[in-house]
């Protein structure tokens, strides 16, 4: 079984929004599942949501995530919506 695509995004980023519009189709095209990792810059009032976002952010930082959108496929990192063509190529060829 192939590994899922880890998709890190921020709702407040316009590029994150554009990536949200494309990532599911890209994953489906290559028979991959998605692991969603939302981040937020705005303060959240609900303590449970705030704690979950904090965990996601800490996990992302530990994995080297530094922007939105950020995709990790098979251990390879891709930052930015403009890199989705490279993600597509990676998924199609199995790497460089």
C-alpha atoms as a PDB file:
ATOM      1  CA  UNK A   1       0.000   0.000   0.000  1.00  0.00           C
ATOM      2  CA  UNK A   2       1.297   3.458  -0.870  1.00  0.00           C
ATOM      3  CA  UNK A   3       1.794   6.088   1.801  1.00  0.00           C
ATOM      4  CA  UNK A   4      -0.726   8.913   2.112  1.00  0.00           C
ATOM      5  CA  UNK A   5       0.010  12.459   1.036  1.00  0.00           C
ATOM      6  CA  UNK A   6       0.535  14.712   4.065  1.00  0.00           C
ATOM      7  CA  UNK A   7      -1.150  18.023   3.287  1.00  0.00           C
ATOM      8  CA  UNK A   8      -0.423  21.002   5.552  1.00  0.00           C
ATOM      9  CA  UNK A   9      -2.487  24.125   4.917  1.00  0.00           C
ATOM     10  CA  UNK A  10      -3.671  27.338   6.516  1.00  0.00           C
ATOM     11  CA  UNK A  11      -7.230  28.521   5.962  1.00  0.00           C
ATOM     12  CA  UNK A  12      -6.099  32.142   6.007  1.00  0.00           C
ATOM     13  CA  UNK A  13      -3.678  31.660   3.094  1.00  0.00           C
ATOM     14  CA  UNK A  14      -5.072  32.289  -0.395  1.00  0.00           C
ATOM     15  CA  UNK A  15      -2.548  29.768  -1.709  1.00  0.00           C
ATOM     16  CA  UNK A  16      -3.764  27.285   0.861  1.00  0.00           C
ATOM     17  CA  UNK A  17      -7.283  27.812  -0.473  1.00  0.00           C
ATOM     18  CA  UNK A  18      -6.133  27.243  -4.062  1.00  0.00           C
ATOM     19  CA  UNK A  19      -4.329  24.083  -2.986  1.00  0.00           C
ATOM     20  CA  UNK A  20      -7.485  22.863  -1.230  1.00  0.00           C
ATOM     21  CA  UNK A  21      -9.254  23.096  -4.577  1.00  0.00           C
ATOM     22  CA  UNK A  22      -6.695  20.821  -6.278  1.00  0.00           C
ATOM     23  CA  UNK A  23      -5.202  18.393  -3.745  1.00  0.00           C
ATOM     24  CA  UNK A  24      -8.064  15.870  -3.648  1.00  0.00           C
ATOM     25  CA  UNK A  25      -8.060  15.478  -7.425  1.00  0.00           C
ATOM     26  CA  UNK A  26      -4.290  15.086  -7.447  1.00  0.00           C
ATOM     27  CA  UNK A  27      -4.456  12.403  -4.759  1.00  0.00           C
ATOM     28  CA  UNK A  28      -7.276  10.567  -6.528  1.00  0.00           C
ATOM     29  CA  UNK A  29      -5.420  10.679  -9.858  1.00  0.00           C
ATOM     30  CA  UNK A  30      -2.581   8.720  -8.255  1.00  0.00           C
ATOM     31  CA  UNK A  31      -4.726   6.491  -5.997  1.00  0.00           C
ATOM     32  CA  UNK A  32      -3.384   8.095  -2.822  1.00  0.00           C
ATOM     33  CA  UNK A  33      -5.171   9.027   0.347  1.00  0.00           C
ATOM     34  CA  UNK A  34      -4.722  12.351   2.121  1.00  0.00           C
ATOM     35  CA  UNK A  35      -3.695  13.102   5.668  1.00  0.00           C
ATOM     36  CA  UNK A  36      -5.039  16.584   6.391  1.00  0.00           C
ATOM     37  CA  UNK A  37      -3.009  18.860   8.678  1.00  0.00           C
ATOM     38  CA  UNK A  38      -4.748  22.225   9.171  1.00  0.00           C
ATOM     39  CA  UNK A  39      -2.932  25.135  10.754  1.00  0.00           C
ATOM     40  CA  UNK A  40      -4.308  28.462  11.882  1.00  0.00           C
ATOM     41  CA  UNK A  41      -2.785  31.831  12.553  1.00  0.00           C
ATOM     42  CA  UNK A  42      -5.877  33.220  14.229  1.00  0.00           C
ATOM     43  CA  UNK A  43      -6.651  32.526  17.858  1.00  0.00           C
ATOM     44  CA  UNK A  44      -9.309  29.905  18.464  1.00  0.00           C
ATOM     45  CA  UNK A  45     -11.579  30.202  21.524  1.00  0.00           C
ATOM     46  CA  UNK A  46     -12.418  26.495  21.912  1.00  0.00           C
ATOM     47  CA  UNK A  47      -9.655  24.903  24.052  1.00  0.00           C
ATOM     48  CA  UNK A  48     -10.013  21.501  22.321  1.00  0.00           C
ATOM     49  CA  UNK A  49      -9.602  23.043  18.857  1.00  0.00           C
ATOM     50  CA  UNK A  50      -6.754  25.189  20.076  1.00  0.00           C
ATOM     51  CA  UNK A  51      -4.987  22.103  21.508  1.00  0.00           C
ATOM     52  CA  UNK A  52      -5.506  20.129  18.284  1.00  0.00           C
ATOM     53  CA  UNK A  53      -4.102  22.987  16.182  1.00  0.00           C
ATOM     54  CA  UNK A  54      -1.146  23.281  18.531  1.00  0.00           C
ATOM     55  CA  UNK A  55      -0.409  19.544  18.112  1.00  0.00           C
ATOM     56  CA  UNK A  56      -0.655  19.819  14.309  1.00  0.00           C
ATOM     57  CA  UNK A  57       1.648  22.847  14.283  1.00  0.00           C
ATOM     58  CA  UNK A  58       4.200  21.126  16.522  1.00  0.00           C
ATOM     59  CA  UNK A  59       4.118  18.008  14.346  1.00  0.00           C
ATOM     60  CA  UNK A  60       4.556  20.117  11.213  1.00  0.00           C
ATOM     61  CA  UNK A  61       7.498  22.027  12.674  1.00  0.00           C
ATOM     62  CA  UNK A  62       9.129  18.730  13.671  1.00  0.00           C
ATOM     63  CA  UNK A  63       8.780  17.567  10.052  1.00  0.00           C
ATOM     64  CA  UNK A  64      10.217  20.772   8.608  1.00  0.00           C
ATOM     65  CA  UNK A  65       6.954  22.352   7.475  1.00  0.00           C
ATOM     66  CA  UNK A  66       7.354  26.111   7.120  1.00  0.00           C
ATOM     67  CA  UNK A  67       4.552  27.427   4.930  1.00  0.00           C
ATOM     68  CA  UNK A  68       1.171  26.832   3.399  1.00  0.00           C
ATOM     69  CA  UNK A  69       0.449  24.811   1.439  1.00  0.00           C
ATOM     70  CA  UNK A  70       3.104  22.210   2.231  1.00  0.00           C
ATOM     71  CA  UNK A  71       2.938  18.656   0.922  1.00  0.00           C
ATOM     72  CA  UNK A  72       5.020  15.654   1.946  1.00  0.00           C
ATOM     73  CA  UNK A  73       4.938  12.645  -0.388  1.00  0.00           C
ATOM     74  CA  UNK A  74       7.035   9.566   0.373  1.00  0.00           C
ATOM     75  CA  UNK A  75       9.265  11.697   2.604  1.00  0.00           C
ATOM     76  CA  UNK A  76       9.833  14.346  -0.105  1.00  0.00           C
ATOM     77  CA  UNK A  77       8.736  17.898   0.776  1.00  0.00           C
ATOM     78  CA  UNK A  78       7.043  20.360  -1.579  1.00  0.00           C
ATOM     79  CA  UNK A  79       6.243  23.916  -0.489  1.00  0.00           C
ATOM     80  CA  UNK A  80       3.775  26.131  -2.308  1.00  0.00           C
ATOM     81  CA  UNK A  81       0.844  25.779  -4.643  1.00  0.00           C
ATOM     82  CA  UNK A  82       3.188  26.425  -7.578  1.00  0.00           C
ATOM     83  CA  UNK A  83       4.896  23.086  -6.778  1.00  0.00           C
ATOM     84  CA  UNK A  84       1.799  20.976  -7.396  1.00  0.00           C
ATOM     85  CA  UNK A  85       3.020  20.106 -10.906  1.00  0.00           C
ATOM     86  CA  UNK A  86       6.140  18.662  -9.261  1.00  0.00           C
ATOM     87  CA  UNK A  87       3.981  16.726  -6.788  1.00  0.00           C
ATOM     88  CA  UNK A  88       2.041  15.345  -9.749  1.00  0.00           C
ATOM     89  CA  UNK A  89       5.281  14.304 -11.484  1.00  0.00           C
ATOM     90  CA  UNK A  90       6.626  12.718  -8.284  1.00  0.00           C
ATOM     91  CA  UNK A  91       3.437  10.716  -7.861  1.00  0.00           C
ATOM     92  CA  UNK A  92       3.431   9.656 -11.511  1.00  0.00           C
ATOM     93  CA  UNK A  93       7.077   8.529 -11.609  1.00  0.00           C
ATOM     94  CA  UNK A  94       7.710   7.407  -8.046  1.00  0.00           C
ATOM     95  CA  UNK A  95      10.403  10.018  -7.458  1.00  0.00           C
ATOM     96  CA  UNK A  96      13.051  11.860  -9.364  1.00  0.00           C
END
